[in-house]
Protein backbone atom coordinates (compact mmCIF):
# COMPACT_ATOMS: atom_id res chain seq x y z
CA MET A 1 -56.70 -18.41 26.05
CA LEU A 2 -56.40 -21.43 24.04
CA GLY A 3 -58.16 -21.25 20.21
CA ILE A 4 -60.07 -24.20 18.92
CA MET A 5 -58.94 -25.41 15.88
CA GLY A 6 -61.77 -28.07 13.17
CA ASP A 7 -59.54 -31.57 13.80
CA VAL A 8 -58.65 -33.79 10.11
CA TYR A 9 -58.40 -35.90 11.79
CA SER A 10 -61.28 -39.11 12.78
CA LYS A 11 -61.94 -39.78 16.80
CA GLU A 12 -59.29 -42.56 16.63
CA THR A 13 -56.73 -41.46 14.10
CA ARG A 14 -56.16 -37.96 16.95
CA SER A 15 -55.92 -41.22 19.86
CA TYR A 16 -52.96 -42.56 18.10
CA VAL A 17 -51.90 -39.54 17.15
CA MET A 18 -51.32 -37.84 20.31
CA SER A 19 -50.20 -41.27 22.13
CA GLN A 20 -47.29 -41.25 19.88
CA ILE A 21 -45.68 -37.97 21.33
CA LYS A 22 -42.47 -37.95 23.40
CA GLY A 23 -41.85 -36.15 26.48
CA GLU A 24 -38.49 -36.45 26.32
CA ASN A 25 -35.67 -36.18 23.85
CA THR A 26 -37.85 -34.82 21.56
CA LYS A 27 -36.33 -32.77 18.62
CA PRO A 28 -36.16 -29.95 20.13
CA GLU A 29 -34.58 -30.67 23.14
CA LEU A 30 -31.56 -32.60 20.93
CA LEU A 31 -31.21 -29.26 19.08
CA VAL A 32 -30.50 -27.26 22.51
CA ARG A 33 -29.16 -29.92 23.82
CA LYS A 34 -26.24 -29.93 20.69
CA PHE A 35 -25.72 -26.29 20.21
CA LEU A 36 -24.98 -26.22 24.14
CA PHE A 37 -22.67 -29.42 24.31
CA SER A 38 -20.58 -27.55 21.01
CA GLN A 39 -21.13 -24.19 22.84
CA GLY A 40 -18.40 -26.09 25.71
CA PHE A 41 -22.15 -26.18 27.77
CA ARG A 42 -22.13 -29.45 29.76
CA TYR A 43 -25.14 -30.31 31.43
CA LYS A 44 -27.40 -33.31 32.52
CA LEU A 45 -30.56 -34.84 31.22
CA HIS A 46 -34.26 -35.48 32.70
CA ASP A 47 -32.69 -34.82 36.64
CA GLY A 48 -35.64 -36.40 39.06
CA THR A 49 -34.00 -34.71 42.03
CA LEU A 50 -35.14 -31.40 41.05
CA PRO A 51 -38.87 -30.18 40.40
CA GLY A 52 -40.57 -30.94 36.96
CA ARG A 53 -37.62 -33.05 35.57
CA PRO A 54 -35.95 -30.04 33.74
CA ASP A 55 -34.85 -31.24 29.84
CA ILE A 56 -31.66 -29.59 30.42
CA VAL A 57 -29.95 -29.00 34.25
CA LEU A 58 -26.24 -26.94 34.28
CA PRO A 59 -25.50 -27.65 38.17
CA LYS A 60 -21.82 -25.74 37.12
CA TYR A 61 -24.44 -22.12 36.92
CA LYS A 62 -27.57 -23.61 38.89
CA THR A 63 -29.51 -23.27 35.77
CA VAL A 64 -32.40 -25.57 34.86
CA ILE A 65 -33.71 -25.34 30.89
CA PHE A 66 -37.06 -26.82 30.08
CA ILE A 67 -38.05 -27.23 26.25
CA ASN A 68 -42.04 -26.79 26.00
CA GLY A 69 -44.13 -28.22 23.50
CA CYS A 70 -46.24 -25.15 23.06
CA PHE A 71 -49.37 -27.11 22.82
CA TRP A 72 -49.07 -29.26 25.63
CA HIS A 73 -47.23 -26.22 27.59
CA GLY A 74 -50.55 -23.28 26.31
CA HIS A 75 -48.05 -21.22 25.21
CA GLN A 76 -49.45 -17.67 24.44
CA ASP A 77 -50.55 -16.69 21.47
CA CYS A 78 -48.72 -19.52 19.35
CA SER A 79 -51.02 -21.08 16.64
CA LYS A 80 -49.21 -24.56 17.31
CA SER A 81 -51.87 -24.53 20.99
CA THR A 82 -55.22 -24.38 19.23
CA LEU A 83 -56.86 -26.84 20.47
CA PRO A 84 -58.41 -29.23 18.36
CA ALA A 85 -62.39 -29.55 18.27
CA SER A 86 -63.16 -32.48 19.69
CA ASN A 87 -62.91 -33.19 23.07
CA VAL A 88 -62.50 -29.62 23.95
CA GLU A 89 -63.61 -29.94 27.96
CA PHE A 90 -60.15 -33.11 27.90
CA TRP A 91 -58.17 -31.14 26.68
CA GLN A 92 -59.01 -27.23 28.07
CA LYS A 93 -58.56 -29.08 31.50
CA LYS A 94 -55.45 -31.46 30.77
CA ILE A 95 -53.62 -27.90 28.94
CA LEU A 96 -54.63 -25.57 32.24
CA GLY A 97 -53.43 -28.67 34.11
CA THR A 98 -50.30 -28.37 33.03
CA ILE A 99 -50.03 -24.52 32.87
CA ALA A 100 -50.67 -24.46 37.00
CA ARG A 101 -47.80 -27.87 37.69
CA ASP A 102 -45.39 -25.31 35.56
CA LYS A 103 -45.76 -22.65 37.51
CA LYS A 104 -45.31 -24.45 40.86
CA VAL A 105 -42.40 -26.15 39.84
CA LYS A 106 -40.78 -22.97 38.24
CA LEU A 107 -41.69 -21.21 42.61
CA ALA A 108 -39.91 -24.65 44.16
CA LEU A 109 -37.67 -24.26 41.44
CA ASN A 110 -37.17 -21.19 42.84
CA SER A 111 -37.63 -21.24 45.74
CA LEU A 112 -34.29 -23.58 45.84
CA GLY A 113 -31.80 -21.03 43.84
CA TRP A 114 -31.94 -22.20 40.33
CA LYS A 115 -32.20 -20.30 37.31
CA ILE A 116 -35.24 -21.63 34.45
CA ILE A 117 -34.38 -20.85 31.23
CA THR A 118 -38.29 -22.13 29.07
CA ILE A 119 -37.34 -22.65 25.21
CA TRP A 120 -40.95 -23.07 23.29
CA GLU A 121 -40.71 -25.34 20.74
CA CYS A 122 -42.37 -22.70 18.03
CA LYS A 123 -38.94 -20.93 18.70
CA LEU A 124 -36.59 -24.29 17.10
CA LYS A 125 -38.77 -25.17 14.09
CA ASN A 126 -37.40 -23.10 11.74
CA LYS A 127 -33.85 -22.13 11.32
CA GLU A 128 -33.66 -18.90 10.90
CA ILE A 129 -35.58 -18.14 14.14
CA ALA A 130 -33.90 -21.39 16.27
CA ASN A 131 -30.45 -19.61 15.15
CA ILE A 132 -32.11 -16.22 16.82
CA SER A 133 -32.58 -18.26 19.80
CA MET A 134 -29.96 -19.99 20.07
CA LYS A 135 -27.87 -16.69 19.99
CA SER A 136 -30.82 -15.71 22.76
CA LEU A 137 -30.06 -18.64 24.37
CA ALA A 138 -26.03 -18.39 23.85
CA LYS A 139 -25.35 -14.38 25.71
CA ARG A 140 -27.63 -14.92 28.80
CA LEU A 141 -25.54 -18.60 29.43
CA MET A 142 -22.31 -16.34 28.76
CA LEU A 143 -23.28 -14.59 31.35
CA LEU A 144 -23.63 -16.47 33.95
CA LYS A 145 -20.36 -18.36 32.18
CA LYS A 146 -18.77 -14.69 33.77
CA LYS A 147 -20.02 -14.76 37.27
């Protein structure tokens, strides 16, 4: 499931790098928010009243959007989701725990009647791929707008 790659950093450097990763207001998240706003969608951010504190909440459409980091959420068949070679057991347990938590959150949101859209970080890295992803997102949201 999760591949392993050799680590290019020392243990101390890897620890520091991982500690600097943000959970909110990431570049991929800002990109999606800017796009949504430009298309006329208004949203809430990180709503703590909903399971999983979704990154973006579109209350009018009862839809939430999660922008997931490929590494942290164990994106299947993605080169960005390979485990570091050091401390493999720790990382595997951590990421599998995140995947399990994501499933529980989605079940909880579905049971509350929310629609869920997940956008993966790798689909926003390259401008060409990001444009395709944003067009796809716009189509899905436009269908909701018509309802």
